[in-house]
C-alpha atoms as a PDB file:
ATOM      1  CA  MET A   1      42.993 108.296  75.479  1.00  0.00           C
ATOM      2  CA  ASN A   2      43.274 105.229  73.302  1.00  0.00           C
ATOM      3  CA  LYS A   3      46.082 105.211  70.840  1.00  0.00           C
ATOM      4  CA  THR A   4      46.412 102.421  68.352  1.00  0.00           C
ATOM      5  CA  ILE A   5      49.344 102.525  66.041  1.00  0.00           C
ATOM      6  CA  ALA A   6      49.541 100.037  63.211  1.00  0.00           C
ATOM      7  CA  VAL A   7      52.697  99.736  61.199  1.00  0.00           C
ATOM      8  CA  LYS A   8      52.896  97.572  58.111  1.00  0.00           C
ATOM      9  CA  LYS A   9      56.081  97.115  56.169  1.00  0.00           C
ATOM     10  CA  VAL A  10      56.456  94.907  53.118  1.00  0.00           C
ATOM     11  CA  PHE A  11      59.632  93.245  51.799  1.00  0.00           C
ATOM     12  CA  LEU A  12      61.933  93.831  54.756  1.00  0.00           C
ATOM     13  CA  ALA A  13      65.506  92.649  54.463  1.00  0.00           C
ATOM     14  CA  ALA A  14      66.590  89.784  56.701  1.00  0.00           C
ATOM     15  CA  ALA A  15      69.258  91.915  58.336  1.00  0.00           C
ATOM     16  CA  ALA A  16      66.655  94.262  59.800  1.00  0.00           C
ATOM     17  CA  MET A  17      64.590  91.494  61.385  1.00  0.00           C
ATOM     18  CA  SER A  18      67.271  88.920  62.209  1.00  0.00           C
ATOM     19  CA  ALA A  19      68.007  90.592  65.531  1.00  0.00           C
ATOM     20  CA  VAL A  20      64.399  90.013  66.551  1.00  0.00           C
ATOM     21  CA  PHE A  21      63.571  86.674  64.975  1.00  0.00           C
ATOM     22  CA  SER A  22      66.966  85.112  64.074  1.00  0.00           C
ATOM     23  CA  PHE A  23      66.222  83.635  60.693  1.00  0.00           C
ATOM     24  CA  SER A  24      68.280  83.536  57.533  1.00  0.00           C
ATOM     25  CA  ALA A  25      65.690  83.971  54.759  1.00  0.00           C
ATOM     26  CA  SER A  26      64.438  87.380  53.714  1.00  0.00           C
ATOM     27  CA  ALA A  27      61.020  88.329  55.002  1.00  0.00           C
ATOM     28  CA  GLN A  28      58.109  88.821  52.638  1.00  0.00           C
ATOM     29  CA  SER A  29      56.075  90.910  55.077  1.00  0.00           C
ATOM     30  CA  ALA A  30      55.962  92.174  58.640  1.00  0.00           C
ATOM     31  CA  HIS A  31      53.138  93.698  60.626  1.00  0.00           C
ATOM     32  CA  THR A  32      53.235  95.233  64.110  1.00  0.00           C
ATOM     33  CA  THR A  33      50.281  96.522  66.101  1.00  0.00           C
ATOM     34  CA  ARG A  34      50.833  98.553  69.262  1.00  0.00           C
ATOM     35  CA  THR A  35      48.144  99.597  71.717  1.00  0.00           C
ATOM     36  CA  ARG A  36      48.624 101.949  74.644  1.00  0.00           C
ATOM     37  CA  THR A  37      45.920 102.999  77.084  1.00  0.00           C
ATOM     38  CA  PRO A  38      46.131 104.022  80.747  1.00  0.00           C
ATOM     39  CA  GLY A  39      47.162 100.887  82.619  1.00  0.00           C
ATOM     40  CA  HIS A  40      47.690  98.762  79.507  1.00  0.00           C
ATOM     41  CA  SER A  41      50.078  98.271  76.619  1.00  0.00           C
ATOM     42  CA  SER A  42      50.436  95.593  73.985  1.00  0.00           C
ATOM     43  CA  ARG A  43      52.605  94.836  70.999  1.00  0.00           C
ATOM     44  CA  ASN A  44      51.943  92.116  68.483  1.00  0.00           C
ATOM     45  CA  SER A  45      54.324  91.487  65.585  1.00  0.00           C
ATOM     46  CA  VAL A  46      54.134  88.914  62.802  1.00  0.00           C
ATOM     47  CA  VAL A  47      56.771  88.258  60.154  1.00  0.00           C
ATOM     48  CA  THR A  48      55.944  86.038  57.191  1.00  0.00           C
ATOM     49  CA  GLY A  49      58.820  84.465  55.286  1.00  0.00           C
ATOM     50  CA  PRO A  50      59.050  83.708  51.582  1.00  0.00           C
ATOM     51  CA  ASN A  51      57.866  80.143  52.202  1.00  0.00           C
ATOM     52  CA  GLY A  52      54.638  81.410  53.821  1.00  0.00           C
ATOM     53  CA  LYS A  53      55.668  80.425  57.342  1.00  0.00           C
ATOM     54  CA  SER A  54      55.200  83.011  60.076  1.00  0.00           C
ATOM     55  CA  ALA A  55      56.998  83.968  63.258  1.00  0.00           C
ATOM     56  CA  SER A  56      55.449  86.185  65.916  1.00  0.00           C
ATOM     57  CA  TYR A  57      56.165  88.151  69.094  1.00  0.00           C
ATOM     58  CA  ASN A  58      53.408  89.264  71.467  1.00  0.00           C
ATOM     59  CA  ARG A  59      53.674  91.369  74.616  1.00  0.00           C
ATOM     60  CA  ASN A  60      50.845  92.471  76.910  1.00  0.00           C
ATOM     61  CA  ALA A  61      51.093  94.432  80.154  1.00  0.00           C
ATOM     62  CA  ASN A  62      48.473  95.671  82.610  1.00  0.00           C
ATOM     63  CA  TRP A  63      49.088  97.765  85.711  1.00  0.00           C
ATOM     64  CA  GLY A  64      47.312  99.839  88.312  1.00  0.00           C
ATOM     65  CA  ASN A  65      46.475 100.025  92.010  1.00  0.00           C
ATOM     66  CA  GLY A  66      49.833  98.549  93.024  1.00  0.00           C
ATOM     67  CA  THR A  67      49.686  95.521  90.702  1.00  0.00           C
ATOM     68  CA  TYR A  68      51.298  94.522  87.418  1.00  0.00           C
ATOM     69  CA  SER A  69      50.720  91.559  85.131  1.00  0.00           C
ATOM     70  CA  GLY A  70      52.524  90.959  81.895  1.00  0.00           C
ATOM     71  CA  SER A  71      52.961  88.238  79.336  1.00  0.00           C
ATOM     72  CA  ARG A  72      55.331  87.733  76.440  1.00  0.00           C
ATOM     73  CA  SER A  73      55.439  85.029  73.814  1.00  0.00           C
ATOM     74  CA  ALA A  74      57.569  84.343  70.783  1.00  0.00           C
ATOM     75  CA  THR A  75      56.741  81.755  68.154  1.00  0.00           C
ATOM     76  CA  GLY A  76      59.403  80.799  65.625  1.00  0.00           C
ATOM     77  CA  PHE A  77      59.022  79.800  62.008  1.00  0.00           C
ATOM     78  CA  ASN A  78      59.149  76.187  63.223  1.00  0.00           C
ATOM     79  CA  GLY A  79      55.900  76.750  65.184  1.00  0.00           C
ATOM     80  CA  LYS A  80      57.527  76.370  68.595  1.00  0.00           C
ATOM     81  CA  THR A  81      56.572  78.937  71.242  1.00  0.00           C
ATOM     82  CA  ALA A  82      58.356  80.306  74.310  1.00  0.00           C
ATOM     83  CA  THR A  83      56.447  82.328  76.914  1.00  0.00           C
ATOM     84  CA  ALA A  84      57.076  84.393  80.042  1.00  0.00           C
ATOM     85  CA  ASN A  85      54.381  85.541  82.464  1.00  0.00           C
ATOM     86  CA  THR A  86      54.974  88.005  85.288  1.00  0.00           C
ATOM     87  CA  THR A  87      52.821  89.200  88.167  1.00  0.00           C
ATOM     88  CA  ALA A  88      53.927  91.803  90.673  1.00  0.00           C
ATOM     89  CA  SER A  89      52.508  93.893  93.466  1.00  0.00           C
ATOM     90  CA  VAL A  90      53.648  96.663  95.747  1.00  0.00           C
ATOM     91  CA  ALA A  91      52.103  97.929  98.965  1.00  0.00           C
ATOM     92  CA  PRO A  92      53.386  99.971 101.894  1.00  0.00           C
ATOM     93  CA  GLY A  93      56.175  97.872 103.384  1.00  0.00           C
ATOM     94  CA  SER A  94      56.210  95.079 100.808  1.00  0.00           C
ATOM     95  CA  ALA A  95      56.745  94.149  97.186  1.00  0.00           C
ATOM     96  CA  SER A  96      56.613  90.852  95.331  1.00  0.00           C
ATOM     97  CA  ARG A  97      57.204  89.530  91.825  1.00  0.00           C
ATOM     98  CA  THR A  98      56.850  86.132  90.179  1.00  0.00           C
ATOM     99  CA  THR A  99      57.903  85.265  86.633  1.00  0.00           C
ATOM    100  CA  THR A 100      57.406  81.896  84.987  1.00  0.00           C
ATOM    101  CA  ALA A 101      59.170  81.235  81.694  1.00  0.00           C
ATOM    102  CA  THR A 102      58.328  78.258  79.506  1.00  0.00           C
ATOM    103  CA  GLY A 103      60.667  77.297  76.696  1.00  0.00           C
ATOM    104  CA  PRO A 104      59.757  75.918  73.296  1.00  0.00           C
ATOM    105  CA  ASN A 105      60.287  72.417  74.674  1.00  0.00           C
ATOM    106  CA  GLY A 106      57.504  72.959  77.251  1.00  0.00           C
ATOM    107  CA  ARG A 107      59.825  73.032  80.286  1.00  0.00           C
ATOM    108  CA  SER A 108      59.304  75.869  82.780  1.00  0.00           C
ATOM    109  CA  ALA A 109      61.322  77.771  85.350  1.00  0.00           C
ATOM    110  CA  THR A 110      59.977  80.204  87.965  1.00  0.00           C
ATOM    111  CA  TYR A 111      61.654  83.196  89.610  1.00  0.00           C
ATOM    112  CA  GLN A 112      60.209  84.803  92.745  1.00  0.00           C
ATOM    113  CA  ASN A 113      61.243  87.899  94.691  1.00  0.00           C
ATOM    114  CA  ASN A 114      59.537  89.011  97.917  1.00  0.00           C
ATOM    115  CA  ALA A 115      60.678  91.992  99.981  1.00  0.00           C
ATOM    116  CA  THR A 116      59.390  93.552 103.187  1.00  0.00           C
ATOM    117  CA  TRP A 117      60.569  96.596 105.117  1.00  0.00           C
ATOM    118  CA  GLY A 118      59.626  98.805 108.025  1.00  0.00           C
ATOM    119  CA  ASN A 119      60.706  99.846 111.523  1.00  0.00           C
ATOM    120  CA  GLY A 120      64.379  99.744 110.547  1.00  0.00           C
ATOM    121  CA  ALA A 121      64.214  96.164 109.243  1.00  0.00           C
ATOM    122  CA  TYR A 122      64.452  94.838 105.701  1.00  0.00           C
ATOM    123  CA  SER A 123      64.060  91.321 104.310  1.00  0.00           C
ATOM    124  CA  ASP A 124      64.438  90.206 100.685  1.00  0.00           C
ATOM    125  CA  THR A 125      63.976  86.623  99.519  1.00  0.00           C
ATOM    126  CA  LYS A 126      64.756  85.548  95.970  1.00  0.00           C
ATOM    127  CA  SER A 127      64.182  82.044  94.685  1.00  0.00           C
ATOM    128  CA  ILE A 128      64.326  80.198  91.413  1.00  0.00           C
ATOM    129  CA  THR A 129      62.863  76.821  90.565  1.00  0.00           C
ATOM    130  CA  GLY A 130      64.371  75.277  87.469  1.00  0.00           C
ATOM    131  CA  ALA A 131      62.817  73.102  84.824  1.00  0.00           C
ATOM    132  CA  ASN A 132      64.182  70.094  86.740  1.00  0.00           C
ATOM    133  CA  GLY A 133      62.035  71.074  89.767  1.00  0.00           C
ATOM    134  CA  LYS A 134      65.010  71.946  91.956  1.00  0.00           C
ATOM    135  CA  SER A 135      65.027  75.277  93.791  1.00  0.00           C
ATOM    136  CA  ALA A 136      67.598  77.688  95.126  1.00  0.00           C
ATOM    137  CA  THR A 137      66.828  80.500  97.560  1.00  0.00           C
ATOM    138  CA  ALA A 138      68.714  83.524  98.877  1.00  0.00           C
ATOM    139  CA  THR A 139      67.461  85.648 101.768  1.00  0.00           C
ATOM    140  CA  VAL A 140      68.982  88.906 102.999  1.00  0.00           C
ATOM    141  CA  GLN A 141      67.859  90.350 106.316  1.00  0.00           C
ATOM    142  CA  ARG A 142      68.971  93.724 107.688  1.00  0.00           C
ATOM    143  CA  GLN A 143      68.208  95.233 111.064  1.00  0.00           C
ATOM    144  CA  ASP A 144      70.031  97.471 113.519  1.00  0.00           C
ATOM    145  CA  GLY A 145      73.305  97.436 111.563  1.00  0.00           C
ATOM    146  CA  SER A 146      73.354  93.659 111.163  1.00  0.00           C
ATOM    147  CA  VAL A 147      73.100  91.896 107.818  1.00  0.00           C
ATOM    148  CA  THR A 148      72.525  88.168 107.424  1.00  0.00           C
ATOM    149  CA  LYS A 149      72.435  86.360 104.104  1.00  0.00           C
ATOM    150  CA  THR A 150      71.292  82.776 103.880  1.00  0.00           C
ATOM    151  CA  VAL A 151      71.537  80.771 100.672  1.00  0.00           C
ATOM    152  CA  THR A 152      69.970  77.360 100.161  1.00  0.00           C
ATOM    153  CA  GLY A 153      71.132  75.425  97.112  1.00  0.00           C
ATOM    154  CA  PRO A 154      69.158  73.050  94.928  1.00  0.00           C
ATOM    155  CA  ASN A 155      70.322  70.018  96.914  1.00  0.00           C
ATOM    156  CA  GLY A 156      69.309  71.499 100.277  1.00  0.00           C
ATOM    157  CA  GLN A 157      72.757  72.652 101.380  1.00  0.00           C
ATOM    158  CA  THR A 158      72.668  75.982 103.279  1.00  0.00           C
ATOM    159  CA  TRP A 159      75.266  78.737 103.733  1.00  0.00           C
ATOM    160  CA  THR A 160      74.896  81.694 106.063  1.00  0.00           C
ATOM    161  CA  ALA A 161      77.018  84.826 106.354  1.00  0.00           C
ATOM    162  CA  SER A 162      76.525  87.661 108.841  1.00  0.00           C
ATOM    163  CA  ARG A 163      78.116  90.997 109.608  1.00  0.00           C
ATOM    164  CA  THR A 164      77.444  93.713 112.120  1.00  0.00           C
ATOM    165  CA  ARG A 165      78.449  97.341 111.840  1.00  0.00           C
ATOM    166  CA  THR A 166      79.107  99.323 114.959  1.00  0.00           C
ATOM    167  CA  GLN A 167      79.530 103.036 115.332  1.00  0.00           C
ATOM    168  CA  ASP A 168      81.793 104.617 117.908  1.00  0.00           C
END
């Protein structure tokens, strides 16, 4: 069932919207549209200030059959936009997620998380690549009571820690 909810509010006080858009002038108008259907949701908000400039926030998400994709963007009154895009999937024995965020200056950073499990073993790798292109990675592996964590820093240095549990 499609549900579209439109909300329009005129002459909102700055205090009500400052938490969302962080501006100091009072808003002249705000409009939010939300859409929800099976496997999809979206929210689009626009605030127009007394000088006629607008700021906006948009969020879209789609999911189904073990996958997810989502995007978010915020544009300030200065016209600069920041975005974040996420894709994820899950299947028997594995899950993965990647998010790339781009700031208003155009620089991006990416976060990835991949996990696998089965037959008493588990592995989880998380990595982040910064706007400078450098990456850091952490991997945790568990099997038969042993846990090993390996971390690789942005300059290639690696640390490893292990522990084993025994039962009497």
